Amino acid sequence: AWDASYVNYNDTGRLIKAMGGAELFTRRLLWACEHSVNYYNDDEGKEGYLNFTNEPSFHIPWLFCTDEIRRPDLAARVIDGVIKRFSKQNDYPGDDDNGGMSSYYVFLMCGFFPYATTENYYLHGTRVEEIIFHLGNGRELRITGENVGEKKIYVQSATWQGKALDTCKLTHEQLTAGGELHFVMGEHPSDWAKK
């Protein structure tokens, strides 16, 4: 029921309003995420409220990045817990259903995620110094990270095509045109993309 309550991909504004508005929605979502991540990472055998290892729930951490919430720092905090599920064992923390978990891991590490039924890719910050995607149109998408490290999970600033980026999303059209997305990372939350 918790997972299903967040499956309204194409109208998050209405979903947030129906759940009591941005502040209450954020508190509820953070509580469910933290309890789920903590259960999975600290106590084997217990179940959390949200199952981040199943495709219908992949998108949930990026609800913090929507226009209504604008808290990429909270997304980064939850995503850090999800990433730790991969490093705890020698296998994926869920069924790789035709590459679902492995592609999820790539997005988690690269710092962006495609949000189903929309043109948006939400940004949460990279864990790698550089990765290049060779796009089918002959162009390249380059993701670079400065000051990356295991505890440096929060975006301090970002640029797209060399210009300051003050929002935690890019569109499909922007990314498929190719270019460079650069993140500066740090250990503490910043005000990046909260306005």
Protein backbone atom coordinates (compact mmCIF):
# COMPACT_ATOMS: atom_id res chain seq x y z
CA ALA A 1 0.00 0.00 0.00
CA TRP A 2 2.85 2.42 0.74
CA ASP A 3 4.50 1.81 -2.63
CA ALA A 4 1.21 2.09 -4.51
CA SER A 5 0.32 5.36 -2.80
CA TYR A 6 3.20 7.06 -4.64
CA VAL A 7 2.42 5.68 -8.12
CA ASN A 8 0.97 8.73 -9.83
CA TYR A 9 3.82 9.60 -12.17
CA ASN A 10 2.15 12.14 -14.41
CA ASP A 11 0.42 14.35 -11.83
CA THR A 12 2.65 14.68 -8.79
CA GLY A 13 1.21 18.11 -7.99
CA ARG A 14 -2.23 16.63 -7.46
CA LEU A 15 -0.79 13.67 -5.54
CA ILE A 16 1.04 16.01 -3.17
CA LYS A 17 -2.06 18.13 -2.68
CA ALA A 18 -4.20 15.04 -1.97
CA MET A 19 -1.70 13.95 0.68
CA GLY A 20 -2.00 17.21 2.61
CA GLY A 21 0.31 19.58 0.75
CA ALA A 22 4.06 19.89 0.31
CA GLU A 23 5.10 20.03 3.97
CA LEU A 24 3.05 17.05 5.16
CA PHE A 25 3.85 15.08 2.01
CA THR A 26 7.58 15.66 2.54
CA ARG A 27 7.47 14.58 6.20
CA ARG A 28 5.45 11.46 5.39
CA LEU A 29 7.67 10.48 2.45
CA LEU A 30 10.89 11.03 4.38
CA TRP A 31 9.59 8.95 7.30
CA ALA A 32 8.64 6.06 5.01
CA CYS A 33 11.94 6.26 3.08
CA GLU A 34 14.12 6.38 6.17
CA HIS A 35 12.32 3.51 7.85
CA SER A 36 12.60 1.45 4.69
CA VAL A 37 16.29 2.18 4.10
CA ASN A 38 17.18 1.61 7.76
CA TYR A 39 15.33 -1.70 7.87
CA TYR A 40 17.04 -2.96 4.78
CA ASN A 41 20.50 -1.81 5.74
CA ASP A 42 20.54 -2.46 9.48
CA ASP A 43 18.42 -5.51 10.11
CA GLU A 44 18.22 -8.36 7.62
CA GLY A 45 14.84 -10.02 7.44
CA LYS A 46 12.78 -6.96 8.37
CA GLU A 47 10.69 -5.27 5.75
CA GLY A 48 10.42 -1.56 5.26
CA TYR A 49 7.45 0.42 3.99
CA LEU A 50 8.87 1.02 0.52
CA ASN A 51 10.62 -1.52 -1.67
CA PHE A 52 13.29 0.37 -3.60
CA THR A 53 14.38 -2.87 -5.28
CA ASN A 54 11.24 -3.23 -7.38
CA GLU A 55 10.52 -1.22 -10.52
CA PRO A 56 7.19 0.31 -9.38
CA SER A 57 9.08 2.02 -6.55
CA PHE A 58 12.27 3.06 -8.34
CA HIS A 59 10.99 6.64 -8.80
CA ILE A 60 10.04 7.33 -5.17
CA PRO A 61 13.27 9.05 -3.95
CA TRP A 62 12.96 11.60 -6.78
CA LEU A 63 9.58 12.79 -5.54
CA PHE A 64 11.73 15.05 -3.35
CA CYS A 65 12.98 16.72 -6.55
CA THR A 66 9.60 17.69 -7.99
CA ASP A 67 8.70 21.34 -8.52
CA GLU A 68 6.40 21.22 -5.49
CA ILE A 69 9.01 19.85 -3.03
CA ARG A 70 12.47 20.96 -4.33
CA ARG A 71 14.54 19.03 -1.79
CA PRO A 72 17.27 17.24 -3.74
CA ASP A 73 19.21 16.95 -0.48
CA LEU A 74 16.52 14.62 0.89
CA ALA A 75 16.58 12.61 -2.34
CA ALA A 76 20.37 12.28 -2.00
CA ARG A 77 20.03 11.09 1.60
CA VAL A 78 17.55 8.36 0.67
CA ILE A 79 19.50 7.40 -2.46
CA ASP A 80 22.63 6.98 -0.34
CA GLY A 81 20.79 4.32 1.64
CA VAL A 82 19.60 2.61 -1.54
CA ILE A 83 23.15 2.56 -2.95
CA LYS A 84 24.37 0.87 0.24
CA ARG A 85 22.00 -2.01 -0.47
CA PHE A 86 24.08 -2.78 -3.56
CA SER A 87 27.40 -2.75 -1.72
CA LYS A 88 26.22 -5.01 1.10
CA GLN A 89 26.26 -8.15 -0.95
CA ASN A 90 27.77 -9.62 -4.09
CA ASP A 91 24.46 -9.58 -5.90
CA TYR A 92 21.74 -7.08 -6.70
CA PRO A 93 19.36 -6.35 -3.81
CA GLY A 94 16.44 -7.27 -6.07
CA ASP A 95 15.61 -9.20 -9.23
CA ASP A 96 17.45 -7.76 -12.23
CA ASP A 97 14.33 -8.15 -14.44
CA ASN A 98 15.84 -7.60 -17.91
CA GLY A 99 18.43 -5.20 -16.52
CA GLY A 100 16.15 -3.22 -14.19
CA MET A 101 18.40 -3.27 -11.12
CA SER A 102 21.65 -2.88 -13.05
CA SER A 103 20.38 0.15 -14.98
CA TYR A 104 18.95 1.57 -11.72
CA TYR A 105 22.43 1.28 -10.20
CA VAL A 106 23.96 3.18 -13.13
CA PHE A 107 21.46 6.03 -12.67
CA LEU A 108 22.01 6.07 -8.89
CA MET A 109 25.77 6.40 -9.37
CA CYS A 110 25.61 8.91 -12.25
CA GLY A 111 23.38 11.38 -10.44
CA PHE A 112 20.20 11.57 -12.50
CA PHE A 113 17.07 9.49 -13.08
CA PRO A 114 14.40 9.46 -15.84
CA TYR A 115 10.98 10.07 -14.29
CA ALA A 116 8.41 7.85 -16.04
CA THR A 117 5.61 9.44 -18.10
CA THR A 118 7.30 12.84 -18.04
CA GLU A 119 10.13 14.47 -19.98
CA ASN A 120 12.02 15.11 -16.73
CA TYR A 121 15.27 13.64 -15.50
CA TYR A 122 15.72 14.50 -11.83
CA LEU A 123 19.20 15.20 -10.48
CA HIS A 124 20.62 14.06 -7.16
CA GLY A 125 24.41 14.26 -7.61
CA THR A 126 27.04 11.93 -8.97
CA ARG A 127 29.26 9.38 -7.24
CA VAL A 128 31.76 9.16 -10.11
CA GLU A 129 34.39 11.54 -11.47
CA GLU A 130 33.35 10.97 -15.06
CA ILE A 131 31.08 8.83 -17.19
CA ILE A 132 30.25 9.27 -20.85
CA PHE A 133 27.05 8.05 -22.49
CA HIS A 134 27.35 7.57 -26.24
CA LEU A 135 23.91 8.55 -27.47
CA GLY A 136 22.25 6.90 -30.45
CA ASN A 137 22.32 10.17 -32.38
CA GLY A 138 26.13 10.31 -32.48
CA ARG A 139 26.35 12.76 -29.59
CA GLU A 140 27.73 12.28 -26.10
CA LEU A 141 26.38 13.05 -22.65
CA ARG A 142 29.21 13.58 -20.20
CA ILE A 143 28.59 13.53 -16.44
CA THR A 144 31.46 14.82 -14.34
CA GLY A 145 31.89 15.12 -10.61
CA GLU A 146 34.20 17.24 -8.52
CA ASN A 147 34.94 16.41 -4.88
CA VAL A 148 33.23 13.01 -5.15
CA GLY A 149 33.53 10.41 -2.42
CA GLU A 150 31.55 7.92 -0.37
CA LYS A 151 30.35 10.52 2.16
CA LYS A 152 30.07 13.39 -0.30
CA ILE A 153 26.49 12.73 -1.32
CA TYR A 154 25.08 16.28 -1.52
CA VAL A 155 25.20 18.58 -4.53
CA GLN A 156 26.85 21.90 -3.68
CA SER A 157 26.46 23.30 -7.19
CA ALA A 158 25.91 22.10 -10.72
CA THR A 159 26.39 23.33 -14.27
CA TRP A 160 24.83 22.29 -17.54
CA GLN A 161 26.84 23.15 -20.65
CA GLY A 162 29.08 25.33 -18.46
CA LYS A 163 26.22 27.48 -17.13
CA ALA A 164 25.03 27.43 -13.52
CA LEU A 165 22.11 25.09 -12.99
CA ASP A 166 19.76 26.06 -10.16
CA THR A 167 17.12 23.39 -10.67
CA CYS A 168 17.30 19.67 -9.97
CA LYS A 169 15.95 18.57 -13.32
CA LEU A 170 16.79 18.50 -16.98
CA THR A 171 14.57 17.39 -19.83
CA HIS A 172 14.88 14.46 -22.19
CA GLU A 173 15.40 16.89 -25.06
CA GLN A 174 18.30 18.58 -23.25
CA LEU A 175 20.06 15.34 -22.36
CA THR A 176 19.63 13.66 -25.73
CA ALA A 177 21.10 16.73 -27.43
CA GLY A 178 24.32 15.87 -25.60
CA GLY A 179 26.58 18.00 -23.48
CA GLU A 180 28.11 18.08 -20.04
CA LEU A 181 26.46 17.96 -16.64
CA HIS A 182 28.95 18.82 -13.91
CA PHE A 183 28.36 18.38 -10.19
CA VAL A 184 30.35 19.72 -7.25
CA MET A 185 29.68 17.43 -4.31
CA GLY A 186 30.06 17.79 -0.54
CA GLU A 187 29.39 16.08 2.79
CA HIS A 188 26.65 18.45 3.95
CA PRO A 189 23.34 19.54 2.44
CA SER A 190 23.40 22.85 0.59
CA ASP A 191 20.74 25.22 -0.70
CA TRP A 192 21.29 24.05 -4.27
CA ALA A 193 18.05 23.83 -6.29
CA LYS A 194 15.79 24.52 -3.30
CA LYS A 195 14.46 27.85 -4.62
